[in-house]
Protein backbone atom coordinates (compact mmCIF):
# COMPACT_ATOMS: atom_id res chain seq x y z
CA ASP A 1 -80.83 35.05 3.90
CA ALA A 2 -77.07 34.94 4.45
CA ALA A 3 -76.27 37.74 1.99
CA GLU A 4 -78.81 40.08 3.57
CA ARG A 5 -77.56 39.21 7.07
CA GLN A 6 -73.99 39.97 5.98
CA ALA A 7 -75.06 43.30 4.47
CA LEU A 8 -76.73 44.19 7.77
CA LEU A 9 -73.61 43.24 9.76
CA ASP A 10 -71.48 45.36 7.44
CA GLU A 11 -73.78 48.32 8.07
CA VAL A 12 -74.08 48.07 11.86
CA THR A 13 -70.51 47.22 12.86
CA ILE A 14 -68.38 50.13 13.99
CA GLN A 15 -65.09 50.41 12.16
CA GLU A 16 -63.46 53.18 14.17
CA THR A 17 -59.89 52.26 15.02
CA HIS A 18 -56.33 53.32 14.28
CA PHE A 19 -52.75 52.13 14.51
CA PHE A 20 -51.13 51.89 17.95
CA ARG A 21 -54.47 52.67 19.59
CA ASN A 22 -54.32 53.26 23.34
CA PRO A 23 -50.63 54.06 23.94
CA PRO A 24 -50.42 52.54 27.46
CA GLN A 25 -51.62 49.18 26.13
CA VAL A 26 -49.25 49.40 23.15
CA ARG A 27 -46.38 50.20 25.52
CA ALA A 28 -47.25 47.18 27.69
CA LEU A 29 -47.35 44.94 24.61
CA ARG A 30 -44.05 46.32 23.30
CA GLN A 31 -42.13 46.30 26.58
CA HIS A 32 -43.57 43.36 28.50
CA VAL A 33 -46.13 41.06 26.90
CA LEU A 34 -44.61 40.40 23.47
CA PRO A 35 -40.98 40.16 24.71
CA GLU A 36 -42.10 37.55 27.26
CA LEU A 37 -44.02 35.61 24.60
CA ILE A 38 -41.01 35.76 22.28
CA LYS A 39 -38.73 34.51 25.06
CA HIS A 40 -41.08 31.58 25.71
CA ALA A 41 -41.39 30.84 21.97
CA GLU A 42 -37.60 30.97 21.56
CA ALA A 43 -37.33 28.11 24.02
CA ASN A 44 -40.22 26.18 22.47
CA GLY A 45 -39.72 25.95 18.73
CA ARG A 46 -39.82 29.61 17.66
CA ARG A 47 -43.55 29.49 16.95
CA LEU A 48 -45.83 32.38 17.86
CA ARG A 49 -49.58 32.71 17.28
CA ILE A 50 -51.64 35.80 18.02
CA TRP A 51 -55.36 36.19 17.39
CA SER A 52 -56.87 39.63 16.84
CA ALA A 53 -60.60 38.93 17.23
CA GLY A 54 -62.81 41.73 15.93
CA CYS A 55 -59.91 43.20 13.95
CA SER A 56 -62.11 45.69 12.08
CA THR A 57 -60.15 47.30 9.22
CA GLY A 58 -56.82 45.80 10.30
CA GLU A 59 -55.06 48.47 12.31
CA GLU A 60 -54.74 46.33 15.46
CA PRO A 61 -53.23 43.20 13.85
CA TYR A 62 -50.94 45.28 11.66
CA SER A 63 -49.79 47.24 14.74
CA ILE A 64 -48.96 43.95 16.47
CA ALA A 65 -47.10 42.75 13.37
CA MET A 66 -45.12 46.01 13.32
CA ILE A 67 -44.10 45.56 16.95
CA LEU A 68 -43.13 41.97 16.18
CA ARG A 69 -40.96 43.24 13.31
CA GLU A 70 -39.26 45.58 15.80
CA LEU A 71 -38.68 42.83 18.34
CA LEU A 72 -37.80 40.12 15.80
CA PRO A 73 -36.00 41.98 13.02
CA ALA A 74 -34.39 38.76 11.82
CA SER A 75 -37.37 36.42 11.85
CA ALA A 76 -35.68 33.68 9.84
CA GLY A 77 -36.33 30.37 11.52
CA TRP A 78 -39.47 31.71 13.19
CA ASP A 79 -43.07 30.68 12.51
CA VAL A 80 -45.06 33.82 13.34
CA LYS A 81 -48.68 34.48 12.46
CA VAL A 82 -51.20 37.10 13.50
CA LEU A 83 -54.66 35.72 12.74
CA ALA A 84 -57.09 38.62 12.30
CA THR A 85 -60.82 37.97 12.20
CA ASP A 86 -63.93 40.08 11.89
CA VAL A 87 -67.63 39.64 11.23
CA SER A 88 -67.69 42.47 8.66
CA GLN A 89 -66.71 41.52 5.12
CA ARG A 90 -66.47 45.22 4.26
CA ALA A 91 -63.94 45.77 7.06
CA LEU A 92 -61.91 42.78 5.92
CA VAL A 93 -61.72 44.10 2.35
CA ALA A 94 -60.26 47.34 3.72
CA ALA A 95 -57.89 45.41 6.00
CA ARG A 96 -56.58 43.28 3.16
CA ALA A 97 -56.03 46.39 1.02
CA GLY A 98 -53.78 47.73 3.79
CA ARG A 99 -54.08 51.37 2.73
CA TYR A 100 -55.09 54.01 5.27
CA GLY A 101 -55.69 57.73 5.64
CA ALA A 102 -53.81 60.12 7.92
CA ARG A 103 -56.29 59.70 10.80
CA ALA A 104 -55.60 55.97 11.02
CA VAL A 105 -51.84 56.54 11.46
CA MET A 106 -52.07 59.52 13.83
CA ASN A 107 -50.48 57.58 16.73
CA ALA A 108 -47.58 56.26 14.66
CA ALA A 109 -44.23 57.92 15.34
CA PRO A 110 -42.39 59.36 12.32
CA ASP A 111 -39.88 56.50 12.37
CA GLU A 112 -42.76 53.98 12.43
CA LEU A 113 -44.36 55.70 9.44
CA ALA A 114 -41.08 55.54 7.53
CA ARG A 115 -40.30 51.95 8.49
CA PHE A 116 -43.68 50.26 8.18
CA PHE A 117 -45.62 52.27 5.57
CA VAL A 118 -45.26 53.48 2.02
CA ALA A 119 -46.51 57.07 1.84
CA HIS A 120 -48.53 57.91 -1.26
CA PRO A 121 -49.09 61.35 -2.86
CA ASP A 122 -52.80 61.25 -2.00
CA ASP A 123 -51.93 61.34 1.75
CA THR A 124 -52.59 57.65 2.26
CA TYR A 125 -50.25 55.13 3.83
CA GLU A 126 -49.86 51.55 2.68
CA VAL A 127 -48.63 48.84 5.04
CA ARG A 128 -45.34 47.39 3.80
CA PRO A 129 -45.22 43.76 2.58
CA GLU A 130 -42.90 42.57 5.36
CA VAL A 131 -45.62 43.53 7.87
CA ARG A 132 -48.53 42.27 5.78
CA GLU A 133 -46.97 38.82 5.40
CA LEU A 134 -47.34 38.21 9.15
CA VAL A 135 -51.10 38.82 9.14
CA GLU A 136 -53.84 36.52 7.85
CA PHE A 137 -57.38 37.92 7.62
CA ARG A 138 -60.45 35.69 7.90
CA HIS A 139 -64.19 36.22 8.17
CA HIS A 140 -65.41 34.98 11.54
CA ASN A 141 -68.42 35.52 13.77
CA LEU A 142 -67.46 35.31 17.45
CA VAL A 143 -71.06 34.62 18.47
CA THR A 144 -72.02 31.83 16.08
CA GLU A 145 -68.76 30.12 15.07
CA ALA A 146 -66.17 28.04 16.88
CA VAL A 147 -62.68 29.43 17.28
CA PRO A 148 -61.00 29.78 13.86
CA PHE A 149 -58.07 27.44 14.47
CA PRO A 150 -57.63 23.76 15.30
CA ALA A 151 -58.50 22.80 18.88
CA ASN A 152 -54.98 21.51 19.50
CA GLU A 153 -53.24 24.67 18.25
CA ARG A 154 -51.73 26.83 20.95
CA ILE A 155 -52.60 30.52 20.71
CA ASP A 156 -50.11 32.66 22.60
CA LEU A 157 -52.16 35.85 22.80
CA VAL A 158 -55.77 36.76 22.10
CA LEU A 159 -56.62 40.43 21.53
CA CYS A 160 -60.27 41.39 21.46
CA ARG A 161 -60.16 45.06 22.42
CA ASN A 162 -62.29 46.14 19.46
CA VAL A 163 -65.05 43.86 20.77
CA THR A 164 -64.82 44.24 24.55
CA ILE A 165 -64.83 48.05 24.53
CA TYR A 166 -68.50 47.85 23.63
CA PHE A 167 -69.46 45.69 26.61
CA SER A 168 -70.66 47.31 29.84
């Protein structure tokens, strides 16, 4: 049944990821891709949509939201959303909680840790509200479900690294 299928998916999906994973890709996003998308959006209604498909426990969409906060510090007048989807309900619960251990933030620079996280005494880091408000998490199966947004909605960037790394 559906509950048993979901339990199986939660067990077999790999939830190994961290913030700012793969520095060359993050650098390209920060220096080229996102600035170009922002420039285009500035000229077309200040609306930006990014889809993180296979978001796992949330590190990828939160990393994108952090970069967007860097590039758009004054986001008033902007309509920005990072849609983050995953097939694992367990991963989405962790993503929505937004609290991570030291391993997950190992690629974050000290200034990024200070700016985007609240450090807790138990050596965990919680994503700050101004980052979390940009990200919406939804359950979604890439294989069996249609795209999780209206057909007429423009998506500016689709990230699916956490899925494609497992393809040969």
